[in-house]
Amino acid sequence: MGLSWMAWTWPTAGFFIFILICLIIMAIWEKFSPGGSPRKGILTLETTRGDRLFITLLGSAFIALGWLGVMGTPLWGALAIQIVYGFAVFRWV
């Protein structure tokens, strides 16, 4: 299956597949543990698991764009920062 019809690359498709997988996992998690008990974190915002996933994905996009603007490719360093950032958001936000 070629992705040339939309000028996509495999990493771009992989990114959207990753987001889809995250949403499926969150839906399954919500089914077995409803509610997710909103909590207040370091930002003093009341957030649920879905909110924290959104904050993580949005922040990760900015980390990647910032890395590209400052360092260029490859993005392995940005990926490491994004993973640490994701764990921090789910732990403390």
N, C-alpha and C. Protein backbone atom coordinates (compact mmCIF):
# COMPACT_ATOMS: atom_id res chain seq x y z
N MET A 1 0.85 -1.17 0.00
CA MET A 1 0.00 0.00 0.00
C MET A 1 0.89 1.23 0.00
N GLY A 2 0.77 2.01 -1.01
CA GLY A 2 1.55 3.23 -1.09
C GLY A 2 0.84 4.39 -0.39
N LEU A 3 1.62 5.27 0.17
CA LEU A 3 1.05 6.43 0.84
C LEU A 3 1.25 7.69 0.03
N SER A 4 1.62 7.54 -1.24
CA SER A 4 1.93 8.70 -2.07
C SER A 4 0.69 9.53 -2.42
N TRP A 5 -0.49 8.97 -2.30
CA TRP A 5 -1.70 9.71 -2.64
C TRP A 5 -1.90 10.92 -1.74
N MET A 6 -1.26 10.94 -0.58
CA MET A 6 -1.40 12.06 0.32
C MET A 6 -0.04 12.64 0.71
N ALA A 7 0.98 12.24 0.01
CA ALA A 7 2.35 12.68 0.26
C ALA A 7 2.78 12.39 1.69
N TRP A 8 2.31 11.28 2.24
CA TRP A 8 2.69 10.86 3.58
C TRP A 8 3.97 10.04 3.52
N THR A 9 4.63 10.02 4.63
CA THR A 9 5.77 9.12 4.78
C THR A 9 5.38 8.05 5.80
N TRP A 10 6.16 6.99 5.86
CA TRP A 10 5.86 5.94 6.84
C TRP A 10 5.97 6.43 8.27
N PRO A 11 6.92 7.29 8.62
CA PRO A 11 6.92 7.81 9.99
C PRO A 11 5.66 8.61 10.32
N THR A 12 5.13 9.36 9.36
CA THR A 12 3.90 10.11 9.59
C THR A 12 2.73 9.15 9.82
N ALA A 13 2.64 8.14 8.97
CA ALA A 13 1.58 7.13 9.14
C ALA A 13 1.75 6.43 10.48
N GLY A 14 2.98 6.11 10.86
CA GLY A 14 3.24 5.46 12.14
C GLY A 14 2.79 6.31 13.31
N PHE A 15 2.99 7.62 13.21
CA PHE A 15 2.56 8.54 14.25
C PHE A 15 1.05 8.48 14.44
N PHE A 16 0.30 8.53 13.34
CA PHE A 16 -1.15 8.48 13.45
C PHE A 16 -1.64 7.11 13.90
N ILE A 17 -0.95 6.07 13.50
CA ILE A 17 -1.29 4.72 14.00
C ILE A 17 -1.05 4.65 15.49
N PHE A 18 0.05 5.27 15.97
CA PHE A 18 0.34 5.31 17.40
C PHE A 18 -0.77 6.02 18.16
N ILE A 19 -1.25 7.15 17.63
CA ILE A 19 -2.34 7.87 18.29
C ILE A 19 -3.59 7.01 18.33
N LEU A 20 -3.90 6.30 17.26
CA LEU A 20 -5.05 5.40 17.23
C LEU A 20 -4.90 4.31 18.28
N ILE A 21 -3.72 3.73 18.39
CA ILE A 21 -3.48 2.69 19.39
C ILE A 21 -3.65 3.25 20.79
N CYS A 22 -3.15 4.47 21.04
CA CYS A 22 -3.33 5.12 22.35
C CYS A 22 -4.81 5.29 22.68
N LEU A 23 -5.59 5.72 21.70
CA LEU A 23 -7.02 5.93 21.93
C LEU A 23 -7.73 4.60 22.20
N ILE A 24 -7.34 3.55 21.50
CA ILE A 24 -7.95 2.24 21.73
C ILE A 24 -7.60 1.73 23.12
N ILE A 25 -6.34 1.88 23.52
CA ILE A 25 -5.92 1.45 24.86
C ILE A 25 -6.67 2.23 25.93
N MET A 26 -6.81 3.55 25.73
CA MET A 26 -7.52 4.37 26.71
C MET A 26 -9.00 3.96 26.79
N ALA A 27 -9.62 3.61 25.65
CA ALA A 27 -11.01 3.17 25.65
C ALA A 27 -11.17 1.86 26.42
N ILE A 28 -10.24 0.93 26.20
CA ILE A 28 -10.29 -0.35 26.92
C ILE A 28 -10.07 -0.12 28.41
N TRP A 29 -9.12 0.74 28.76
CA TRP A 29 -8.84 1.07 30.16
C TRP A 29 -10.08 1.68 30.81
N GLU A 30 -10.76 2.56 30.09
CA GLU A 30 -11.96 3.20 30.61
C GLU A 30 -13.08 2.19 30.80
N LYS A 31 -13.16 1.20 29.92
CA LYS A 31 -14.21 0.18 30.04
C LYS A 31 -14.03 -0.64 31.31
N PHE A 32 -12.79 -1.00 31.62
CA PHE A 32 -12.53 -1.85 32.78
C PHE A 32 -12.36 -1.06 34.08
N SER A 33 -12.05 0.22 33.98
CA SER A 33 -11.90 1.07 35.17
C SER A 33 -12.51 2.43 34.86
N PRO A 34 -13.86 2.53 34.90
CA PRO A 34 -14.54 3.76 34.49
C PRO A 34 -14.20 4.95 35.39
N GLY A 35 -14.28 6.10 34.77
CA GLY A 35 -14.12 7.34 35.52
C GLY A 35 -12.72 7.88 35.54
N GLY A 36 -11.78 7.08 35.90
CA GLY A 36 -10.39 7.52 35.94
C GLY A 36 -10.09 8.49 37.06
N SER A 37 -11.01 8.69 37.97
CA SER A 37 -10.87 9.56 39.14
C SER A 37 -10.03 10.81 38.88
N PRO A 38 -10.68 11.89 38.48
CA PRO A 38 -9.94 13.14 38.25
C PRO A 38 -9.09 13.52 39.46
N ARG A 39 -7.93 14.08 39.20
CA ARG A 39 -7.05 14.47 40.30
C ARG A 39 -6.39 15.80 39.98
N LYS A 40 -5.96 16.46 41.03
CA LYS A 40 -5.24 17.73 40.88
C LYS A 40 -3.75 17.43 40.96
N GLY A 41 -3.02 17.96 40.02
CA GLY A 41 -1.59 17.73 39.99
C GLY A 41 -0.82 19.02 40.19
N ILE A 42 0.37 19.02 39.66
CA ILE A 42 1.29 20.14 39.82
C ILE A 42 0.74 21.44 39.23
N LEU A 43 -0.06 21.33 38.19
CA LEU A 43 -0.63 22.52 37.55
C LEU A 43 -1.91 22.99 38.23
N THR A 44 -2.33 22.30 39.27
CA THR A 44 -3.57 22.55 40.01
C THR A 44 -4.82 22.48 39.13
N LEU A 45 -4.70 21.78 38.01
CA LEU A 45 -5.86 21.51 37.16
C LEU A 45 -6.39 20.14 37.52
N GLU A 46 -7.71 19.98 37.46
CA GLU A 46 -8.30 18.68 37.68
C GLU A 46 -8.30 17.95 36.34
N THR A 47 -7.54 16.87 36.23
CA THR A 47 -7.40 16.17 34.96
C THR A 47 -7.78 14.70 35.10
N THR A 48 -8.27 14.15 33.99
CA THR A 48 -8.54 12.72 33.91
C THR A 48 -7.46 12.09 33.04
N ARG A 49 -7.53 10.78 32.86
CA ARG A 49 -6.54 10.09 32.01
C ARG A 49 -6.56 10.64 30.60
N GLY A 50 -7.75 10.89 30.06
CA GLY A 50 -7.86 11.42 28.70
C GLY A 50 -7.24 12.81 28.57
N ASP A 51 -7.45 13.63 29.58
CA ASP A 51 -6.83 14.96 29.59
C ASP A 51 -5.31 14.84 29.59
N ARG A 52 -4.79 13.94 30.41
CA ARG A 52 -3.33 13.77 30.50
C ARG A 52 -2.77 13.22 29.19
N LEU A 53 -3.53 12.33 28.51
CA LEU A 53 -3.08 11.83 27.20
C LEU A 53 -3.02 12.98 26.21
N PHE A 54 -4.04 13.83 26.19
CA PHE A 54 -4.06 14.97 25.27
C PHE A 54 -2.91 15.92 25.55
N ILE A 55 -2.67 16.23 26.83
CA ILE A 55 -1.55 17.11 27.20
C ILE A 55 -0.23 16.51 26.76
N THR A 56 -0.09 15.19 26.94
CA THR A 56 1.14 14.51 26.53
C THR A 56 1.35 14.58 25.02
N LEU A 57 0.30 14.30 24.24
CA LEU A 57 0.43 14.31 22.78
C LEU A 57 0.72 15.73 22.27
N LEU A 58 0.03 16.71 22.83
CA LEU A 58 0.25 18.09 22.41
C LEU A 58 1.66 18.56 22.76
N GLY A 59 2.09 18.29 23.98
CA GLY A 59 3.43 18.66 24.41
C GLY A 59 4.50 17.96 23.60
N SER A 60 4.26 16.69 23.28
CA SER A 60 5.23 15.93 22.47
C SER A 60 5.37 16.51 21.07
N ALA A 61 4.27 17.00 20.51
CA ALA A 61 4.34 17.63 19.19
C ALA A 61 5.21 18.89 19.26
N PHE A 62 5.04 19.68 20.31
CA PHE A 62 5.86 20.89 20.46
C PHE A 62 7.33 20.55 20.71
N ILE A 63 7.58 19.49 21.46
CA ILE A 63 8.97 19.06 21.69
C ILE A 63 9.61 18.67 20.36
N ALA A 64 8.88 17.91 19.53
CA ALA A 64 9.42 17.49 18.23
C ALA A 64 9.67 18.69 17.33
N LEU A 65 8.74 19.64 17.30
CA LEU A 65 8.92 20.83 16.46
C LEU A 65 10.09 21.68 16.95
N GLY A 66 10.20 21.82 18.25
CA GLY A 66 11.33 22.57 18.80
C GLY A 66 12.66 21.90 18.50
N TRP A 67 12.68 20.57 18.61
CA TRP A 67 13.91 19.83 18.30
C TRP A 67 14.28 20.02 16.83
N LEU A 68 13.29 19.92 15.94
CA LEU A 68 13.56 20.11 14.52
C LEU A 68 14.09 21.51 14.24
N GLY A 69 13.52 22.50 14.92
CA GLY A 69 13.95 23.88 14.70
C GLY A 69 15.35 24.16 15.20
N VAL A 70 15.74 23.51 16.29
CA VAL A 70 17.04 23.79 16.89
C VAL A 70 18.11 22.81 16.44
N MET A 71 17.78 21.52 16.48
CA MET A 71 18.78 20.48 16.24
C MET A 71 18.68 19.83 14.85
N GLY A 72 17.49 19.84 14.25
CA GLY A 72 17.30 19.15 12.98
C GLY A 72 17.07 17.66 13.19
N THR A 73 17.30 16.90 12.15
CA THR A 73 17.11 15.46 12.25
C THR A 73 18.42 14.81 12.65
N PRO A 74 18.43 13.61 13.17
CA PRO A 74 17.33 12.71 13.54
C PRO A 74 16.65 13.14 14.84
N LEU A 75 15.50 12.54 15.08
CA LEU A 75 14.67 12.94 16.21
C LEU A 75 14.79 12.00 17.41
N TRP A 76 15.83 11.20 17.50
CA TRP A 76 15.95 10.25 18.61
C TRP A 76 16.05 10.96 19.95
N GLY A 77 16.75 12.06 20.00
CA GLY A 77 16.85 12.83 21.23
C GLY A 77 15.50 13.38 21.65
N ALA A 78 14.73 13.87 20.68
CA ALA A 78 13.39 14.38 20.96
C ALA A 78 12.49 13.25 21.47
N LEU A 79 12.63 12.07 20.90
CA LEU A 79 11.83 10.93 21.35
C LEU A 79 12.11 10.60 22.81
N ALA A 80 13.37 10.63 23.19
CA ALA A 80 13.73 10.36 24.59
C ALA A 80 13.11 11.41 25.51
N ILE A 81 13.17 12.68 25.11
CA ILE A 81 12.57 13.75 25.92
C ILE A 81 11.06 13.57 25.99
N GLN A 82 10.43 13.18 24.87
CA GLN A 82 8.99 12.99 24.84
C GLN A 82 8.55 11.86 25.76
N ILE A 83 9.31 10.79 25.82
CA ILE A 83 8.96 9.67 26.69
C ILE A 83 9.04 10.09 28.15
N VAL A 84 10.10 10.78 28.51
CA VAL A 84 10.23 11.28 29.89
C VAL A 84 9.10 12.26 30.20
N TYR A 85 8.80 13.14 29.27
CA TYR A 85 7.72 14.10 29.43
C TYR A 85 6.37 13.39 29.63
N GLY A 86 6.12 12.35 28.83
CA GLY A 86 4.87 11.59 28.95
C GLY A 86 4.72 10.94 30.32
N PHE A 87 5.79 10.32 30.80
CA PHE A 87 5.74 9.72 32.14
C PHE A 87 5.50 10.78 33.20
N ALA A 88 6.14 11.93 33.06
CA ALA A 88 5.98 13.01 34.03
C ALA A 88 4.55 13.55 34.04
N VAL A 89 3.96 13.70 32.86
CA VAL A 89 2.58 14.20 32.79
C VAL A 89 1.64 13.21 33.47
N PHE A 90 1.77 11.93 33.16
CA PHE A 90 0.85 10.96 33.75
C PHE A 90 1.10 10.77 35.25
N ARG A 91 2.29 11.08 35.71
CA ARG A 91 2.60 10.92 37.13
C ARG A 91 2.21 12.14 37.95
N TRP A 92 2.53 13.35 37.47
CA TRP A 92 2.40 14.53 38.31
C TRP A 92 1.37 15.56 37.85
N VAL A 93 0.83 15.46 36.65
CA VAL A 93 -0.12 16.49 36.19
C VAL A 93 -1.54 16.09 36.49
